[in-house]
Amino acid sequence: MNYLSRIEEMLLLAIWKLKDDAYGISIRDQVEKDTGVEWMSGAIYAPLSRLKKTAMSKPPRLKAPPKKEGGRVSTTSSPLSG
């Protein structure tokens, strides 16, 4: 049985709260809001990768770019529903 680290638990909770708006920076911002701890920009990607490998999070999906000039396509994540 694989156990989640505290960081992975926080990320899954943030993904669940954000639903379709769960992508890199928004996940980090939600975790910072929930914990009051400032995270470095790349700090969430390794734990997110581990979650995907253990099938605790669905693979990311492309999200349409915003309707503003210079908008970028982003990827979103979502927790697996049981």
PDB file of N, CA and C in Angstrom:
ATOM      1  N   MET A   1       0.843  -1.174   0.000  1.00  0.00           N
ATOM      2  CA  MET A   1       0.000   0.000   0.000  1.00  0.00           C
ATOM      3  C   MET A   1       0.889   1.238   0.000  1.00  0.00           C
ATOM      4  N   ASN A   2       0.551   2.180  -0.845  1.00  0.00           N
ATOM      5  CA  ASN A   2       1.291   3.437  -0.903  1.00  0.00           C
ATOM      6  C   ASN A   2       0.604   4.478  -0.040  1.00  0.00           C
ATOM      7  N   TYR A   3       1.400   5.149   0.761  1.00  0.00           N
ATOM      8  CA  TYR A   3       0.875   6.219   1.592  1.00  0.00           C
ATOM      9  C   TYR A   3       1.217   7.556   0.965  1.00  0.00           C
ATOM     10  N   LEU A   4       0.339   8.525   1.158  1.00  0.00           N
ATOM     11  CA  LEU A   4       0.585   9.866   0.650  1.00  0.00           C
ATOM     12  C   LEU A   4       1.421  10.652   1.645  1.00  0.00           C
ATOM     13  N   SER A   5       2.292  11.498   1.104  1.00  0.00           N
ATOM     14  CA  SER A   5       3.011  12.428   1.966  1.00  0.00           C
ATOM     15  C   SER A   5       2.059  13.574   2.316  1.00  0.00           C
ATOM     16  N   ARG A   6       2.417  14.349   3.290  1.00  0.00           N
ATOM     17  CA  ARG A   6       1.588  15.493   3.690  1.00  0.00           C
ATOM     18  C   ARG A   6       1.441  16.467   2.516  1.00  0.00           C
ATOM     19  N   ILE A   7       2.520  16.664   1.767  1.00  0.00           N
ATOM     20  CA  ILE A   7       2.473  17.566   0.606  1.00  0.00           C
ATOM     21  C   ILE A   7       1.492  17.039  -0.432  1.00  0.00           C
ATOM     22  N   GLU A   8       1.524  15.743  -0.703  1.00  0.00           N
ATOM     23  CA  GLU A   8       0.598  15.156  -1.678  1.00  0.00           C
ATOM     24  C   GLU A   8      -0.850  15.302  -1.208  1.00  0.00           C
ATOM     25  N   GLU A   9      -1.081  15.140   0.078  1.00  0.00           N
ATOM     26  CA  GLU A   9      -2.430  15.340   0.619  1.00  0.00           C
ATOM     27  C   GLU A   9      -2.892  16.779   0.404  1.00  0.00           C
ATOM     28  N   MET A  10      -2.008  17.739   0.679  1.00  0.00           N
ATOM     29  CA  MET A  10      -2.366  19.147   0.492  1.00  0.00           C
ATOM     30  C   MET A  10      -2.659  19.454  -0.973  1.00  0.00           C
ATOM     31  N   LEU A  11      -1.863  18.866  -1.878  1.00  0.00           N
ATOM     32  CA  LEU A  11      -2.091  19.089  -3.300  1.00  0.00           C
ATOM     33  C   LEU A  11      -3.416  18.498  -3.749  1.00  0.00           C
ATOM     34  N   LEU A  12      -3.743  17.277  -3.304  1.00  0.00           N
ATOM     35  CA  LEU A  12      -5.031  16.676  -3.669  1.00  0.00           C
ATOM     36  C   LEU A  12      -6.200  17.507  -3.156  1.00  0.00           C
ATOM     37  N   LEU A  13      -6.077  18.019  -1.949  1.00  0.00           N
ATOM     38  CA  LEU A  13      -7.138  18.871  -1.408  1.00  0.00           C
ATOM     39  C   LEU A  13      -7.286  20.145  -2.232  1.00  0.00           C
ATOM     40  N   ALA A  14      -6.174  20.748  -2.616  1.00  0.00           N
ATOM     41  CA  ALA A  14      -6.224  21.956  -3.434  1.00  0.00           C
ATOM     42  C   ALA A  14      -6.848  21.667  -4.798  1.00  0.00           C
ATOM     43  N   ILE A  15      -6.470  20.540  -5.414  1.00  0.00           N
ATOM     44  CA  ILE A  15      -7.042  20.159  -6.708  1.00  0.00           C
ATOM     45  C   ILE A  15      -8.545  19.956  -6.572  1.00  0.00           C
ATOM     46  N   TRP A  16      -8.951  19.304  -5.509  1.00  0.00           N
ATOM     47  CA  TRP A  16     -10.384  19.070  -5.279  1.00  0.00           C
ATOM     48  C   TRP A  16     -11.127  20.394  -5.115  1.00  0.00           C
ATOM     49  N   LYS A  17     -10.551  21.335  -4.374  1.00  0.00           N
ATOM     50  CA  LYS A  17     -11.200  22.636  -4.158  1.00  0.00           C
ATOM     51  C   LYS A  17     -11.294  23.437  -5.455  1.00  0.00           C
ATOM     52  N   LEU A  18     -10.262  23.372  -6.287  1.00  0.00           N
ATOM     53  CA  LEU A  18     -10.205  24.189  -7.496  1.00  0.00           C
ATOM     54  C   LEU A  18     -10.993  23.601  -8.662  1.00  0.00           C
ATOM     55  N   LYS A  19     -11.281  22.331  -8.619  1.00  0.00           N
ATOM     56  CA  LYS A  19     -12.014  21.613  -9.673  1.00  0.00           C
ATOM     57  C   LYS A  19     -11.388  21.865 -11.049  1.00  0.00           C
ATOM     58  N   ASP A  20     -12.115  22.448 -11.991  1.00  0.00           N
ATOM     59  CA  ASP A  20     -11.607  22.647 -13.356  1.00  0.00           C
ATOM     60  C   ASP A  20     -10.558  23.748 -13.459  1.00  0.00           C
ATOM     61  N   ASP A  21     -10.354  24.514 -12.419  1.00  0.00           N
ATOM     62  CA  ASP A  21      -9.333  25.565 -12.437  1.00  0.00           C
ATOM     63  C   ASP A  21      -8.033  25.111 -11.802  1.00  0.00           C
ATOM     64  N   ALA A  22      -7.852  23.803 -11.629  1.00  0.00           N
ATOM     65  CA  ALA A  22      -6.651  23.261 -10.980  1.00  0.00           C
ATOM     66  C   ALA A  22      -5.529  23.113 -12.000  1.00  0.00           C
ATOM     67  N   TYR A  23      -4.636  24.061 -12.004  1.00  0.00           N
ATOM     68  CA  TYR A  23      -3.430  23.981 -12.816  1.00  0.00           C
ATOM     69  C   TYR A  23      -2.285  24.512 -11.974  1.00  0.00           C
ATOM     70  N   GLY A  24      -1.054  24.325 -12.409  1.00  0.00           N
ATOM     71  CA  GLY A  24       0.138  24.580 -11.625  1.00  0.00           C
ATOM     72  C   GLY A  24       0.091  25.726 -10.635  1.00  0.00           C
ATOM     73  N   ILE A  25       0.020  26.936 -11.136  1.00  0.00           N
ATOM     74  CA  ILE A  25       0.105  28.110 -10.260  1.00  0.00           C
ATOM     75  C   ILE A  25      -1.120  28.228  -9.367  1.00  0.00           C
ATOM     76  N   SER A  26      -2.301  27.916  -9.889  1.00  0.00           N
ATOM     77  CA  SER A  26      -3.498  28.029  -9.049  1.00  0.00           C
ATOM     78  C   SER A  26      -3.475  27.001  -7.919  1.00  0.00           C
ATOM     79  N   ILE A  27      -2.907  25.810  -8.178  1.00  0.00           N
ATOM     80  CA  ILE A  27      -2.765  24.807  -7.116  1.00  0.00           C
ATOM     81  C   ILE A  27      -1.817  25.326  -6.049  1.00  0.00           C
ATOM     82  N   ARG A  28      -0.674  25.862  -6.486  1.00  0.00           N
ATOM     83  CA  ARG A  28       0.294  26.415  -5.528  1.00  0.00           C
ATOM     84  C   ARG A  28      -0.343  27.536  -4.706  1.00  0.00           C
ATOM     85  N   ASP A  29      -1.070  28.437  -5.364  1.00  0.00           N
ATOM     86  CA  ASP A  29      -1.718  29.542  -4.658  1.00  0.00           C
ATOM     87  C   ASP A  29      -2.734  29.042  -3.638  1.00  0.00           C
ATOM     88  N   GLN A  30      -3.495  27.992  -3.991  1.00  0.00           N
ATOM     89  CA  GLN A  30      -4.487  27.437  -3.070  1.00  0.00           C
ATOM     90  C   GLN A  30      -3.817  26.817  -1.858  1.00  0.00           C
ATOM     91  N   VAL A  31      -2.719  26.096  -2.078  1.00  0.00           N
ATOM     92  CA  VAL A  31      -1.989  25.489  -0.959  1.00  0.00           C
ATOM     93  C   VAL A  31      -1.429  26.586  -0.049  1.00  0.00           C
ATOM     94  N   GLU A  32      -0.892  27.656  -0.643  1.00  0.00           N
ATOM     95  CA  GLU A  32      -0.391  28.781   0.158  1.00  0.00           C
ATOM     96  C   GLU A  32      -1.517  29.399   0.972  1.00  0.00           C
ATOM     97  N   LYS A  33      -2.679  29.554   0.356  1.00  0.00           N
ATOM     98  CA  LYS A  33      -3.837  30.127   1.057  1.00  0.00           C
ATOM     99  C   LYS A  33      -4.269  29.225   2.215  1.00  0.00           C
ATOM    100  N   ASP A  34      -4.292  27.911   1.975  1.00  0.00           N
ATOM    101  CA  ASP A  34      -4.727  26.962   3.001  1.00  0.00           C
ATOM    102  C   ASP A  34      -3.738  26.826   4.156  1.00  0.00           C
ATOM    103  N   THR A  35      -2.442  26.895   3.850  1.00  0.00           N
ATOM    104  CA  THR A  35      -1.430  26.625   4.875  1.00  0.00           C
ATOM    105  C   THR A  35      -0.762  27.865   5.433  1.00  0.00           C
ATOM    106  N   GLY A  36      -0.803  28.968   4.685  1.00  0.00           N
ATOM    107  CA  GLY A  36      -0.105  30.179   5.114  1.00  0.00           C
ATOM    108  C   GLY A  36       1.393  30.109   4.877  1.00  0.00           C
ATOM    109  N   VAL A  37       1.846  29.086   4.144  1.00  0.00           N
ATOM    110  CA  VAL A  37       3.270  28.901   3.857  1.00  0.00           C
ATOM    111  C   VAL A  37       3.513  29.238   2.388  1.00  0.00           C
ATOM    112  N   GLU A  38       4.535  30.059   2.116  1.00  0.00           N
ATOM    113  CA  GLU A  38       4.857  30.428   0.746  1.00  0.00           C
ATOM    114  C   GLU A  38       5.651  29.308   0.082  1.00  0.00           C
ATOM    115  N   TRP A  39       5.253  28.920  -1.116  1.00  0.00           N
ATOM    116  CA  TRP A  39       5.906  27.846  -1.859  1.00  0.00           C
ATOM    117  C   TRP A  39       6.653  28.423  -3.042  1.00  0.00           C
ATOM    118  N   MET A  40       7.784  27.802  -3.391  1.00  0.00           N
ATOM    119  CA  MET A  40       8.501  28.178  -4.603  1.00  0.00           C
ATOM    120  C   MET A  40       7.686  27.708  -5.806  1.00  0.00           C
ATOM    121  N   SER A  41       7.858  28.387  -6.926  1.00  0.00           N
ATOM    122  CA  SER A  41       7.035  28.104  -8.111  1.00  0.00           C
ATOM    123  C   SER A  41       7.067  26.643  -8.547  1.00  0.00           C
ATOM    124  N   GLY A  42       8.231  26.017  -8.580  1.00  0.00           N
ATOM    125  CA  GLY A  42       8.326  24.643  -9.073  1.00  0.00           C
ATOM    126  C   GLY A  42       8.119  23.568  -8.025  1.00  0.00           C
ATOM    127  N   ALA A  43       7.814  23.949  -6.798  1.00  0.00           N
ATOM    128  CA  ALA A  43       7.766  22.982  -5.697  1.00  0.00           C
ATOM    129  C   ALA A  43       6.626  21.974  -5.803  1.00  0.00           C
ATOM    130  N   ILE A  44       5.602  22.261  -6.578  1.00  0.00           N
ATOM    131  CA  ILE A  44       4.464  21.342  -6.635  1.00  0.00           C
ATOM    132  C   ILE A  44       4.585  20.285  -7.720  1.00  0.00           C
ATOM    133  N   TYR A  45       5.489  20.479  -8.674  1.00  0.00           N
ATOM    134  CA  TYR A  45       5.502  19.596  -9.837  1.00  0.00           C
ATOM    135  C   TYR A  45       5.996  18.185  -9.534  1.00  0.00           C
ATOM    136  N   ALA A  46       6.986  18.025  -8.685  1.00  0.00           N
ATOM    137  CA  ALA A  46       7.451  16.672  -8.328  1.00  0.00           C
ATOM    138  C   ALA A  46       6.362  15.895  -7.577  1.00  0.00           C
ATOM    139  N   PRO A  47       5.724  16.488  -6.544  1.00  0.00           N
ATOM    140  CA  PRO A  47       4.647  15.744  -5.883  1.00  0.00           C
ATOM    141  C   PRO A  47       3.458  15.467  -6.813  1.00  0.00           C
ATOM    142  N   LEU A  48       3.141  16.410  -7.715  1.00  0.00           N
ATOM    143  CA  LEU A  48       2.060  16.159  -8.678  1.00  0.00           C
ATOM    144  C   LEU A  48       2.413  14.980  -9.581  1.00  0.00           C
ATOM    145  N   SER A  49       3.663  14.915  -9.988  1.00  0.00           N
ATOM    146  CA  SER A  49       4.114  13.801 -10.822  1.00  0.00           C
ATOM    147  C   SER A  49       3.967  12.475 -10.080  1.00  0.00           C
ATOM    148  N   ARG A  50       4.327  12.463  -8.788  1.00  0.00           N
ATOM    149  CA  ARG A  50       4.171  11.233  -7.994  1.00  0.00           C
ATOM    150  C   ARG A  50       2.704  10.846  -7.883  1.00  0.00           C
ATOM    151  N   LEU A  51       1.825  11.820  -7.716  1.00  0.00           N
ATOM    152  CA  LEU A  51       0.388  11.525  -7.632  1.00  0.00           C
ATOM    153  C   LEU A  51      -0.110  10.898  -8.929  1.00  0.00           C
ATOM    154  N   LYS A  52       0.359  11.401 -10.051  1.00  0.00           N
ATOM    155  CA  LYS A  52      -0.065  10.843 -11.339  1.00  0.00           C
ATOM    156  C   LYS A  52       0.453   9.425 -11.508  1.00  0.00           C
ATOM    157  N   LYS A  53       1.695   9.169 -11.066  1.00  0.00           N
ATOM    158  CA  LYS A  53       2.268   7.821 -11.180  1.00  0.00           C
ATOM    159  C   LYS A  53       1.513   6.816 -10.323  1.00  0.00           C
ATOM    160  N   THR A  54       1.027   7.242  -9.169  1.00  0.00           N
ATOM    161  CA  THR A  54       0.302   6.334  -8.285  1.00  0.00           C
ATOM    162  C   THR A  54      -1.197   6.354  -8.560  1.00  0.00           C
ATOM    163  N   ALA A  55      -1.587   7.022  -9.638  1.00  0.00           N
ATOM    164  CA  ALA A  55      -2.989   7.082 -10.076  1.00  0.00           C
ATOM    165  C   ALA A  55      -3.908   7.727  -9.054  1.00  0.00           C
ATOM    166  N   MET A  56      -3.391   8.659  -8.276  1.00  0.00           N
ATOM    167  CA  MET A  56      -4.237   9.391  -7.334  1.00  0.00           C
ATOM    168  C   MET A  56      -4.820  10.642  -7.979  1.00  0.00           C
ATOM    169  N   SER A  57      -4.304  11.027  -9.114  1.00  0.00           N
ATOM    170  CA  SER A  57      -4.768  12.204  -9.826  1.00  0.00           C
ATOM    171  C   SER A  57      -4.909  11.829 -11.291  1.00  0.00           C
ATOM    172  N   LYS A  58      -5.968  12.309 -11.929  1.00  0.00           N
ATOM    173  CA  LYS A  58      -6.137  12.048 -13.354  1.00  0.00           C
ATOM    174  C   LYS A  58      -5.044  12.789 -14.119  1.00  0.00           C
ATOM    175  N   PRO A  59      -4.666  12.254 -15.275  1.00  0.00           N
ATOM    176  CA  PRO A  59      -3.678  12.964 -16.092  1.00  0.00           C
ATOM    177  C   PRO A  59      -4.184  14.365 -16.431  1.00  0.00           C
ATOM    178  N   PRO A  60      -3.272  15.303 -16.607  1.00  0.00           N
ATOM    179  CA  PRO A  60      -3.709  16.660 -16.910  1.00  0.00           C
ATOM    180  C   PRO A  60      -4.426  16.731 -18.243  1.00  0.00           C
ATOM    181  N   ARG A  61      -5.337  17.690 -18.354  1.00  0.00           N
ATOM    182  CA  ARG A  61      -6.015  17.941 -19.618  1.00  0.00           C
ATOM    183  C   ARG A  61      -5.713  19.378 -20.031  1.00  0.00           C
ATOM    184  N   LEU A  62      -5.739  19.585 -21.333  1.00  0.00           N
ATOM    185  CA  LEU A  62      -5.500  20.939 -21.820  1.00  0.00           C
ATOM    186  C   LEU A  62      -6.712  21.789 -21.534  1.00  0.00           C
ATOM    187  N   LYS A  63      -6.465  23.001 -21.140  1.00  0.00           N
ATOM    188  CA  LYS A  63      -7.526  23.959 -20.857  1.00  0.00           C
ATOM    189  C   LYS A  63      -7.432  25.064 -21.893  1.00  0.00           C
ATOM    190  N   ALA A  64      -8.549  25.490 -22.416  1.00  0.00           N
ATOM    191  CA  ALA A  64      -8.552  26.528 -23.438  1.00  0.00           C
ATOM    192  C   ALA A  64      -7.902  27.805 -22.914  1.00  0.00           C
ATOM    193  N   PRO A  65      -7.160  28.502 -23.786  1.00  0.00           N
ATOM    194  CA  PRO A  65      -6.530  29.732 -23.334  1.00  0.00           C
ATOM    195  C   PRO A  65      -7.573  30.794 -23.035  1.00  0.00           C
ATOM    196  N   PRO A  66      -7.252  31.741 -22.156  1.00  0.00           N
ATOM    197  CA  PRO A  66      -8.190  32.808 -21.861  1.00  0.00           C
ATOM    198  C   PRO A  66      -8.440  33.652 -23.109  1.00  0.00           C
ATOM    199  N   LYS A  67      -9.539  34.372 -23.122  1.00  0.00           N
ATOM    200  CA  LYS A  67      -9.937  35.164 -24.281  1.00  0.00           C
ATOM    201  C   LYS A  67      -9.161  36.473 -24.388  1.00  0.00           C
ATOM    202  N   LYS A  68      -8.084  36.619 -23.636  1.00  0.00           N
ATOM    203  CA  LYS A  68      -7.315  37.852 -23.710  1.00  0.00           C
ATOM    204  C   LYS A  68      -6.067  37.634 -24.568  1.00  0.00           C
ATOM    205  N   GLU A  69      -5.535  38.709 -25.062  1.00  0.00           N
ATOM    206  CA  GLU A  69      -4.341  38.632 -25.890  1.00  0.00           C
ATOM    207  C   GLU A  69      -3.174  38.083 -25.077  1.00  0.00           C
ATOM    208  N   GLY A  70      -2.424  37.177 -25.667  1.00  0.00           N
ATOM    209  CA  GLY A  70      -1.277  36.602 -24.971  1.00  0.00           C
ATOM    210  C   GLY A  70      -1.633  35.446 -24.056  1.00  0.00           C
ATOM    211  N   GLY A  71      -2.913  35.022 -24.068  1.00  0.00           N
ATOM    212  CA  GLY A  71      -3.325  33.905 -23.228  1.00  0.00           C
ATOM    213  C   GLY A  71      -2.644  32.619 -23.659  1.00  0.00           C
ATOM    214  N   ARG A  72      -2.364  31.751 -22.712  1.00  0.00           N
ATOM    215  CA  ARG A  72      -1.676  30.495 -22.997  1.00  0.00           C
ATOM    216  C   ARG A  72      -2.566  29.309 -22.649  1.00  0.00           C
ATOM    217  N   VAL A  73      -2.366  28.245 -23.378  1.00  0.00           N
ATOM    218  CA  VAL A  73      -3.046  26.994 -23.038  1.00  0.00           C
ATOM    219  C   VAL A  73      -2.401  26.471 -21.758  1.00  0.00           C
ATOM    220  N   SER A  74      -3.208  26.044 -20.825  1.00  0.00           N
ATOM    221  CA  SER A  74      -2.664  25.488 -19.584  1.00  0.00           C
ATOM    222  C   SER A  74      -3.207  24.088 -19.384  1.00  0.00           C
ATOM    223  N   THR A  75      -2.585  23.346 -18.492  1.00  0.00           N
ATOM    224  CA  THR A  75      -3.072  22.008 -18.183  1.00  0.00           C
ATOM    225  C   THR A  75      -3.717  22.013 -16.811  1.00  0.00           C
ATOM    226  N   THR A  76      -4.726  21.195 -16.660  1.00  0.00           N
ATOM    227  CA  THR A  76      -5.412  21.097 -15.383  1.00  0.00           C
ATOM    228  C   THR A  76      -5.279  19.685 -14.854  1.00  0.00           C
ATOM    229  N   SER A  77      -5.420  19.531 -13.559  1.00  0.00           N
ATOM    230  CA  SER A  77      -5.405  18.211 -12.934  1.00  0.00           C
ATOM    231  C   SER A  77      -6.699  18.037 -12.169  1.00  0.00           C
ATOM    232  N   SER A  78      -7.070  16.809 -11.898  1.00  0.00           N
ATOM    233  CA  SER A  78      -8.242  16.557 -11.063  1.00  0.00           C
ATOM    234  C   SER A  78      -8.031  15.273 -10.291  1.00  0.00           C
ATOM    235  N   PRO A  79      -8.577  15.216  -9.061  1.00  0.00           N
ATOM    236  CA  PRO A  79      -8.435  13.995  -8.282  1.00  0.00           C
ATOM    237  C   PRO A  79      -9.332  12.907  -8.855  1.00  0.00           C
ATOM    238  N   LEU A  80      -8.954  11.665  -8.666  1.00  0.00           N
ATOM    239  CA  LEU A  80      -9.816  10.573  -9.108  1.00  0.00           C
ATOM    240  C   LEU A  80     -11.029  10.520  -8.201  1.00  0.00           C
ATOM    241  N   SER A  81     -12.190  10.337  -8.796  1.00  0.00           N
ATOM    242  CA  SER A  81     -13.386  10.222  -7.965  1.00  0.00           C
ATOM    243  C   SER A  81     -13.607   8.752  -7.660  1.00  0.00           C
ATOM    244  N   GLY A  82     -13.974   8.483  -6.425  1.00  0.00           N
ATOM    245  CA  GLY A  82     -14.104   7.106  -5.992  1.00  0.00           C
ATOM    246  C   GLY A  82     -15.476   6.697  -6.031  1.00  0.00           C
TER     247      GLY A  82
END
